[in-house]
Amino acid sequence: MQSFIYQGMPSRVVFGAGSLASLGEEIQRLGAERALILTTPEQRAQGERVAELLGARSAGVYPQAVMHVPLEVAQAARAEAARLGADCCVAVGGGSTIGLGKAIALDSGLPILAIPTTYAGSEMTPIWGLTENRLKKTGRDLRVLPKTVIYDPQLTLTLPPAISACSGMNAMAHAVEALYAQDANPIVSLMAEESIRALAEALPEVVADPLNEDARGRALYGAWLAGICLGSVGMAIHHKLCHTLGGTFNLPHAQAHAIVLPHAAHYNREAAAGPLTRAARALGGERAEEVGALLFALNRKLGIPLALEAIGLPPDGPAETARIACASPYYNPRPFEQAAIEALLERARLGLPPA
């Protein structure tokens, strides 16, 4: 039996259809009086509905969250929270909104209550990220871990199928990399395998019938497990490449994760054969060398763009991304090899299957 350390994340989870109705009670449980509600500009109406639900406990809606949390956006949000006298943040949305809440908490210590409407998983992690001068910096700090998370599948019913698919594959990436993380342990590996299986089964049903509340719930369950994985262990080459692609080229976060995942898993097929065999089983296969192809086929089935150039990566992108990633690599079972990574990214840029 391997030796390991498992550190549970101190957060409260309320899961179930209609659980948004408990928001007021959960704010009270935090001991908060004035909640600043965060959303993207596109989700402002949803934020206004949450404000109505909170009534006098709402300090206002701040609908300025954007991808990759630019430093200037974070600074403006911190100033607004202080101006309004907010004593907590309610982040309604996906990784962009929850990331903005984390940026506020990192500076002020304000507690976060997260209400995910995508499958990003950020709500279950103490990981923050800020982008400055086209470089994305990430770190871990328990101050940014949401104190409470409300998972209500009904809030995901309006998430378009295409975004649902990419967001779900983004979540799956957390689980796949958790299996071969440097600090992987049996508990997280169990959750990772279950997450991959739940997402692989639920996402095609969500895309086929976006109003299937049961499938939405199972996808959200898989995303919750993936988020725990992301928050519990370190990530590897896939996340390093996607952080670089997002920070340097401002590629859409979930789509980039979905496209890169098959290629990153294939890169590690020999160095992480044991862990990736578990991923293969969860995806309906048997062997580690199948994982890249299985993930690529799942992306195609879900209608996800297969090429990074389709979401904005220029021809010189693979070379620059490989150079930046290799200059400060994360842990990975297989060493970062700049030429091999550039070739991997070139295939991903063109939408070719892993090879």
Protein backbone atom coordinates (compact mmCIF):
# COMPACT_ATOMS: atom_id res chain seq x y z
CA MET A 1 0.00 0.00 0.00
CA GLN A 2 1.42 3.37 -0.98
CA SER A 3 2.02 6.07 1.62
CA PHE A 4 0.13 9.30 1.06
CA ILE A 5 -1.19 12.52 2.57
CA TYR A 6 -4.78 13.60 2.02
CA GLN A 7 -5.86 17.12 3.00
CA GLY A 8 -9.62 17.66 2.86
CA MET A 9 -10.79 21.11 1.78
CA PRO A 10 -12.85 22.94 4.45
CA SER A 11 -15.93 23.88 2.44
CA ARG A 12 -19.67 23.32 2.77
CA VAL A 13 -21.62 21.93 -0.20
CA VAL A 14 -25.38 22.21 -0.72
CA PHE A 15 -26.37 20.06 -3.71
CA GLY A 16 -29.76 19.53 -5.30
CA ALA A 17 -32.44 20.89 -7.60
CA GLY A 18 -33.93 24.04 -6.09
CA SER A 19 -31.11 24.47 -3.57
CA LEU A 20 -30.67 28.13 -4.56
CA ALA A 21 -33.64 28.80 -2.27
CA SER A 22 -31.32 28.21 0.71
CA LEU A 23 -29.04 31.11 -0.25
CA GLY A 24 -30.30 33.47 2.45
CA GLU A 25 -29.80 30.86 5.16
CA GLU A 26 -26.30 30.12 3.89
CA ILE A 27 -25.35 33.81 3.93
CA GLN A 28 -26.63 34.00 7.50
CA ARG A 29 -24.60 30.89 8.40
CA LEU A 30 -21.48 32.78 7.23
CA GLY A 31 -22.37 35.61 9.59
CA ALA A 32 -22.52 38.05 6.67
CA GLU A 33 -24.82 41.05 6.24
CA ARG A 34 -23.89 42.65 2.88
CA ALA A 35 -23.18 40.35 -0.07
CA LEU A 36 -21.67 41.71 -3.27
CA ILE A 37 -23.00 39.61 -6.14
CA LEU A 38 -20.50 38.97 -8.93
CA THR A 39 -21.35 37.97 -12.52
CA THR A 40 -20.10 38.38 -16.05
CA PRO A 41 -21.82 41.09 -18.13
CA GLU A 42 -23.79 38.34 -19.90
CA GLN A 43 -25.14 36.94 -16.61
CA ARG A 44 -26.14 40.25 -15.05
CA ALA A 45 -29.86 39.36 -15.17
CA GLN A 46 -29.18 36.20 -13.21
CA GLY A 47 -27.24 38.25 -10.69
CA GLU A 48 -30.18 40.65 -10.34
CA ARG A 49 -32.47 37.71 -9.58
CA VAL A 50 -30.09 36.54 -6.87
CA ALA A 51 -30.05 40.08 -5.46
CA GLU A 52 -33.85 40.03 -5.28
CA LEU A 53 -33.70 36.70 -3.48
CA LEU A 54 -31.30 38.16 -0.90
CA GLY A 55 -33.23 41.39 -0.42
CA ALA A 56 -31.64 43.61 2.23
CA ARG A 57 -28.59 41.32 2.44
CA SER A 58 -27.57 42.33 -1.08
CA ALA A 59 -24.95 45.09 -1.36
CA GLY A 60 -25.39 45.21 -5.13
CA VAL A 61 -24.47 43.42 -8.36
CA TYR A 62 -21.03 43.79 -9.94
CA PRO A 63 -21.26 42.35 -13.49
CA GLN A 64 -17.69 42.88 -14.69
CA ALA A 65 -16.07 39.42 -14.49
CA VAL A 66 -14.09 38.39 -17.58
CA MET A 67 -11.86 35.48 -18.58
CA HIS A 68 -8.46 34.97 -16.97
CA VAL A 69 -9.04 37.74 -14.34
CA PRO A 70 -6.95 40.64 -15.67
CA LEU A 71 -5.20 42.43 -12.83
CA GLU A 72 -6.93 45.75 -13.58
CA VAL A 73 -10.36 44.08 -13.38
CA ALA A 74 -9.44 42.52 -10.03
CA GLN A 75 -8.27 45.87 -8.66
CA ALA A 76 -11.50 47.59 -9.73
CA ALA A 77 -13.61 44.85 -8.12
CA ARG A 78 -11.68 45.09 -4.85
CA ALA A 79 -12.27 48.84 -4.78
CA GLU A 80 -16.00 48.39 -5.45
CA ALA A 81 -16.36 45.79 -2.66
CA ALA A 82 -14.70 48.19 -0.24
CA ARG A 83 -16.82 51.15 -1.41
CA LEU A 84 -20.06 49.21 -0.86
CA GLY A 85 -18.99 47.85 2.52
CA ALA A 86 -19.47 44.26 1.39
CA ASP A 87 -18.63 41.57 3.96
CA CYS A 88 -18.89 38.62 1.56
CA CYS A 89 -19.06 37.87 -2.16
CA VAL A 90 -21.62 35.70 -3.95
CA ALA A 91 -20.10 34.52 -7.22
CA VAL A 92 -22.77 33.42 -9.71
CA GLY A 93 -21.39 31.80 -12.84
CA GLY A 94 -18.33 29.89 -13.98
CA GLY A 95 -14.59 30.12 -13.61
CA SER A 96 -14.35 33.77 -14.65
CA THR A 97 -16.78 34.97 -11.98
CA ILE A 98 -15.51 32.70 -9.23
CA GLY A 99 -11.97 33.73 -10.16
CA LEU A 100 -12.92 37.37 -9.65
CA GLY A 101 -14.32 36.52 -6.23
CA LYS A 102 -11.03 34.84 -5.40
CA ALA A 103 -9.08 37.91 -6.48
CA ILE A 104 -11.16 40.00 -4.04
CA ALA A 105 -10.71 37.45 -1.25
CA LEU A 106 -6.96 37.22 -1.81
CA ASP A 107 -6.62 40.93 -1.06
CA SER A 108 -9.40 41.45 1.50
CA GLY A 109 -10.13 38.07 3.06
CA LEU A 110 -13.87 38.41 2.29
CA PRO A 111 -15.59 34.98 2.35
CA ILE A 112 -16.98 33.66 -0.93
CA LEU A 113 -20.23 31.81 -1.50
CA ALA A 114 -20.14 30.26 -4.97
CA ILE A 115 -23.13 29.36 -7.13
CA PRO A 116 -21.69 27.55 -10.17
CA THR A 117 -23.68 27.68 -13.40
CA THR A 118 -21.03 25.83 -15.43
CA TYR A 119 -18.86 22.77 -14.82
CA ALA A 120 -15.57 24.66 -14.36
CA GLY A 121 -14.79 23.37 -10.84
CA SER A 122 -13.03 26.51 -9.60
CA GLU A 123 -15.48 26.71 -6.71
CA MET A 124 -13.87 23.70 -5.00
CA THR A 125 -10.26 24.90 -5.10
CA PRO A 126 -7.94 27.27 -3.23
CA ILE A 127 -6.30 28.11 -6.57
CA TRP A 128 -6.33 31.71 -7.81
CA GLY A 129 -5.17 33.17 -11.10
CA LEU A 130 -4.41 36.70 -12.29
CA THR A 131 -3.28 37.84 -15.74
CA GLU A 132 -0.88 40.75 -16.22
CA ASN A 133 1.07 41.66 -19.35
CA ARG A 134 -0.17 38.56 -21.19
CA LEU A 135 1.16 36.20 -18.51
CA LYS A 136 -1.15 34.30 -16.17
CA LYS A 137 0.11 33.79 -12.64
CA THR A 138 -1.52 31.19 -10.39
CA GLY A 139 -1.17 30.27 -6.74
CA ARG A 140 -2.80 28.48 -3.83
CA ASP A 141 -4.22 30.18 -0.76
CA LEU A 142 -6.98 28.88 1.51
CA ARG A 143 -8.35 32.43 1.81
CA VAL A 144 -9.76 32.12 -1.73
CA LEU A 145 -11.51 28.76 -1.22
CA PRO A 146 -15.28 29.42 -1.21
CA LYS A 147 -16.73 28.78 2.23
CA THR A 148 -20.00 27.48 0.80
CA VAL A 149 -20.97 26.15 -2.63
CA ILE A 150 -24.57 25.80 -3.80
CA TYR A 151 -24.96 23.34 -6.67
CA ASP A 152 -28.41 23.68 -8.23
CA PRO A 153 -28.75 21.74 -11.53
CA GLN A 154 -31.71 23.95 -12.48
CA LEU A 155 -29.31 26.89 -12.87
CA THR A 156 -27.43 25.02 -15.62
CA LEU A 157 -30.48 24.33 -17.79
CA THR A 158 -29.96 27.52 -19.81
CA LEU A 159 -26.26 26.86 -20.38
CA PRO A 160 -26.03 26.33 -24.17
CA PRO A 161 -25.09 22.80 -25.26
CA ALA A 162 -21.82 23.91 -26.87
CA ILE A 163 -20.67 25.70 -23.71
CA SER A 164 -21.88 22.81 -21.54
CA ALA A 165 -19.76 20.40 -23.55
CA CYS A 166 -16.56 22.47 -23.35
CA SER A 167 -17.10 23.28 -19.69
CA GLY A 168 -17.61 19.60 -18.91
CA MET A 169 -14.42 18.60 -20.72
CA ASN A 170 -12.59 21.35 -18.83
CA ALA A 171 -13.76 19.66 -15.63
CA MET A 172 -12.69 16.26 -16.93
CA ALA A 173 -9.18 17.62 -17.46
CA HIS A 174 -8.91 18.24 -13.71
CA ALA A 175 -9.79 14.60 -13.01
CA VAL A 176 -7.49 13.14 -15.66
CA GLU A 177 -4.48 15.08 -14.37
CA ALA A 178 -5.32 14.27 -10.75
CA LEU A 179 -4.74 10.59 -11.55
CA TYR A 180 -1.05 11.17 -12.35
CA ALA A 181 -0.39 14.17 -10.10
CA GLN A 182 2.85 14.22 -8.12
CA ASP A 183 0.85 14.09 -4.89
CA ALA A 184 -1.88 11.74 -6.14
CA ASN A 185 -3.48 9.58 -3.47
CA PRO A 186 -6.06 6.74 -3.43
CA ILE A 187 -8.92 8.94 -2.21
CA VAL A 188 -8.55 11.58 -4.90
CA SER A 189 -7.96 8.89 -7.55
CA LEU A 190 -11.31 7.29 -6.65
CA MET A 191 -13.03 10.64 -7.06
CA ALA A 192 -11.17 11.32 -10.32
CA GLU A 193 -12.20 8.05 -11.93
CA GLU A 194 -15.82 8.51 -10.83
CA SER A 195 -15.75 12.09 -12.15
CA ILE A 196 -14.50 11.01 -15.58
CA ARG A 197 -17.15 8.28 -15.78
CA ALA A 198 -20.00 10.58 -14.69
CA LEU A 199 -19.03 13.34 -17.14
CA ALA A 200 -18.44 10.96 -20.05
CA GLU A 201 -21.90 9.47 -19.57
CA ALA A 202 -23.81 12.69 -18.81
CA LEU A 203 -22.36 15.20 -21.29
CA PRO A 204 -23.66 13.51 -24.47
CA GLU A 205 -27.13 13.44 -22.89
CA VAL A 206 -26.87 17.11 -21.95
CA VAL A 207 -25.90 18.03 -25.52
CA ALA A 208 -28.70 15.88 -26.96
CA ASP A 209 -31.34 17.29 -24.57
CA PRO A 210 -30.23 20.46 -22.73
CA LEU A 211 -33.38 20.42 -20.59
CA ASN A 212 -32.67 16.94 -19.21
CA GLU A 213 -32.44 17.88 -15.54
CA ASP A 214 -31.24 14.43 -14.48
CA ALA A 215 -28.33 14.54 -16.95
CA ARG A 216 -27.54 18.09 -15.85
CA GLY A 217 -27.40 16.91 -12.24
CA ARG A 218 -25.06 14.02 -13.08
CA ALA A 219 -22.79 16.36 -15.06
CA LEU A 220 -22.72 18.79 -12.13
CA TYR A 221 -21.91 15.88 -9.79
CA GLY A 222 -18.99 14.90 -12.01
CA ALA A 223 -17.80 18.50 -12.14
CA TRP A 224 -17.99 18.77 -8.34
CA LEU A 225 -15.74 15.71 -7.98
CA ALA A 226 -13.37 17.11 -10.59
CA GLY A 227 -13.19 20.38 -8.67
CA ILE A 228 -12.27 18.51 -5.48
CA CYS A 229 -9.49 16.79 -7.43
CA LEU A 230 -8.21 20.11 -8.74
CA GLY A 231 -8.18 21.59 -5.25
CA SER A 232 -6.61 18.58 -3.56
CA VAL A 233 -3.58 17.73 -5.71
CA GLY A 234 -1.24 19.46 -8.13
CA MET A 235 -1.81 19.59 -11.86
CA ALA A 236 0.63 18.85 -14.67
CA ILE A 237 1.42 19.55 -18.33
CA HIS A 238 -2.15 19.97 -19.53
CA HIS A 239 -2.89 22.80 -17.13
CA LYS A 240 0.47 24.47 -17.73
CA LEU A 241 -0.20 24.55 -21.47
CA CYS A 242 -3.75 25.83 -21.05
CA HIS A 243 -2.71 28.53 -18.58
CA THR A 244 -0.10 29.66 -21.11
CA LEU A 245 -2.54 29.60 -24.02
CA GLY A 246 -5.09 31.59 -22.03
CA GLY A 247 -2.75 34.15 -20.54
CA THR A 248 -0.65 34.72 -23.67
CA PHE A 249 -3.23 34.42 -26.46
CA ASN A 250 -6.47 35.04 -24.50
CA LEU A 251 -8.01 31.85 -25.86
CA PRO A 252 -11.40 30.90 -24.38
CA HIS A 253 -10.64 28.89 -21.27
CA ALA A 254 -12.99 25.91 -21.52
CA GLN A 255 -12.54 25.39 -25.26
CA ALA A 256 -8.75 25.43 -24.92
CA HIS A 257 -8.90 22.84 -22.14
CA ALA A 258 -11.20 20.59 -24.16
CA ILE A 259 -9.00 20.72 -27.28
CA VAL A 260 -5.66 20.22 -25.52
CA LEU A 261 -6.75 17.42 -23.15
CA PRO A 262 -6.54 14.49 -25.63
CA HIS A 263 -3.07 15.57 -26.72
CA ALA A 264 -1.74 16.12 -23.19
CA ALA A 265 -3.04 12.75 -22.01
CA HIS A 266 -1.47 11.06 -25.04
CA TYR A 267 1.85 12.78 -24.24
CA ASN A 268 1.84 10.99 -20.85
CA ARG A 269 0.54 7.62 -22.06
CA GLU A 270 3.75 5.70 -21.25
CA ALA A 271 5.05 7.65 -18.25
CA ALA A 272 1.63 7.46 -16.52
CA ALA A 273 0.39 4.15 -17.90
CA GLY A 274 -1.12 2.93 -14.64
CA PRO A 275 -3.16 6.03 -13.81
CA LEU A 276 -4.26 6.52 -17.42
CA THR A 277 -5.50 2.93 -17.55
CA ARG A 278 -8.04 3.99 -14.92
CA ALA A 279 -9.03 6.94 -17.11
CA ALA A 280 -9.40 4.60 -20.08
CA ARG A 281 -11.75 2.34 -18.11
CA ALA A 282 -13.87 5.31 -17.09
CA LEU A 283 -14.11 6.32 -20.75
CA GLY A 284 -15.11 2.83 -21.90
CA GLY A 285 -11.67 1.62 -22.98
CA GLU A 286 -9.04 -0.66 -21.52
CA ARG A 287 -5.48 0.65 -22.10
CA ALA A 288 -3.62 3.87 -21.31
CA GLU A 289 -2.58 4.37 -24.94
CA GLU A 290 -6.27 4.62 -25.87
CA VAL A 291 -7.03 7.64 -23.68
CA GLY A 292 -6.01 10.32 -26.17
CA ALA A 293 -8.11 8.81 -28.92
CA LEU A 294 -11.08 8.25 -26.59
CA LEU A 295 -11.01 11.88 -25.44
CA PHE A 296 -10.65 13.14 -29.02
CA ALA A 297 -13.64 11.01 -30.07
CA LEU A 298 -15.68 12.33 -27.13
CA ASN A 299 -14.89 15.92 -28.14
CA ARG A 300 -16.03 15.15 -31.68
CA LYS A 301 -19.23 13.50 -30.39
CA LEU A 302 -19.99 16.58 -28.28
CA GLY A 303 -19.48 18.92 -31.22
CA ILE A 304 -16.51 20.69 -29.62
CA PRO A 305 -14.09 22.51 -31.96
CA LEU A 306 -11.09 20.25 -32.49
CA ALA A 307 -8.58 22.89 -33.62
CA LEU A 308 -6.93 25.60 -31.55
CA GLU A 309 -6.70 27.78 -34.65
CA ALA A 310 -10.51 27.79 -34.73
CA ILE A 311 -10.54 29.56 -31.35
CA GLY A 312 -7.78 32.04 -32.12
CA LEU A 313 -4.31 30.44 -31.86
CA PRO A 314 -2.01 31.94 -34.53
CA PRO A 315 0.51 29.86 -36.53
CA ASP A 316 3.38 30.91 -34.25
CA GLY A 317 1.36 29.96 -31.15
CA PRO A 318 2.66 26.40 -30.66
CA ALA A 319 6.29 27.49 -30.67
CA GLU A 320 5.75 30.41 -28.27
CA THR A 321 3.55 28.35 -25.93
CA ALA A 322 6.08 25.51 -25.81
CA ARG A 323 8.90 27.96 -25.09
CA ILE A 324 7.02 29.69 -22.25
CA ALA A 325 5.79 26.42 -20.74
CA CYS A 326 9.24 24.83 -20.77
CA ALA A 327 10.79 27.90 -19.18
CA SER A 328 8.80 27.28 -15.97
CA PRO A 329 7.30 23.78 -16.15
CA TYR A 330 4.90 22.16 -13.70
CA TYR A 331 5.60 18.66 -12.43
CA ASN A 332 4.73 16.06 -15.06
CA PRO A 333 5.27 12.27 -15.22
CA ARG A 334 7.11 12.76 -18.51
CA PRO A 335 9.64 15.60 -18.61
CA PHE A 336 8.73 18.73 -20.58
CA GLU A 337 10.36 18.33 -24.01
CA GLN A 338 10.08 21.53 -26.01
CA ALA A 339 10.16 19.99 -29.49
CA ALA A 340 7.63 17.31 -28.58
CA ILE A 341 5.34 19.84 -26.91
CA GLU A 342 5.52 22.15 -29.91
CA ALA A 343 4.60 19.22 -32.16
CA LEU A 344 1.73 18.30 -29.81
CA LEU A 345 0.40 21.85 -29.94
CA GLU A 346 0.75 22.05 -33.71
CA ARG A 347 -1.47 18.97 -34.08
CA ALA A 348 -3.93 20.56 -31.64
CA ARG A 349 -3.78 23.82 -33.60
CA LEU A 350 -4.72 22.03 -36.81
CA GLY A 351 -7.37 19.79 -35.20
CA LEU A 352 -5.51 16.53 -35.89
CA PRO A 353 -5.92 13.55 -33.54
CA PRO A 354 -3.18 12.83 -30.97
CA ALA A 355 -0.16 11.02 -32.41
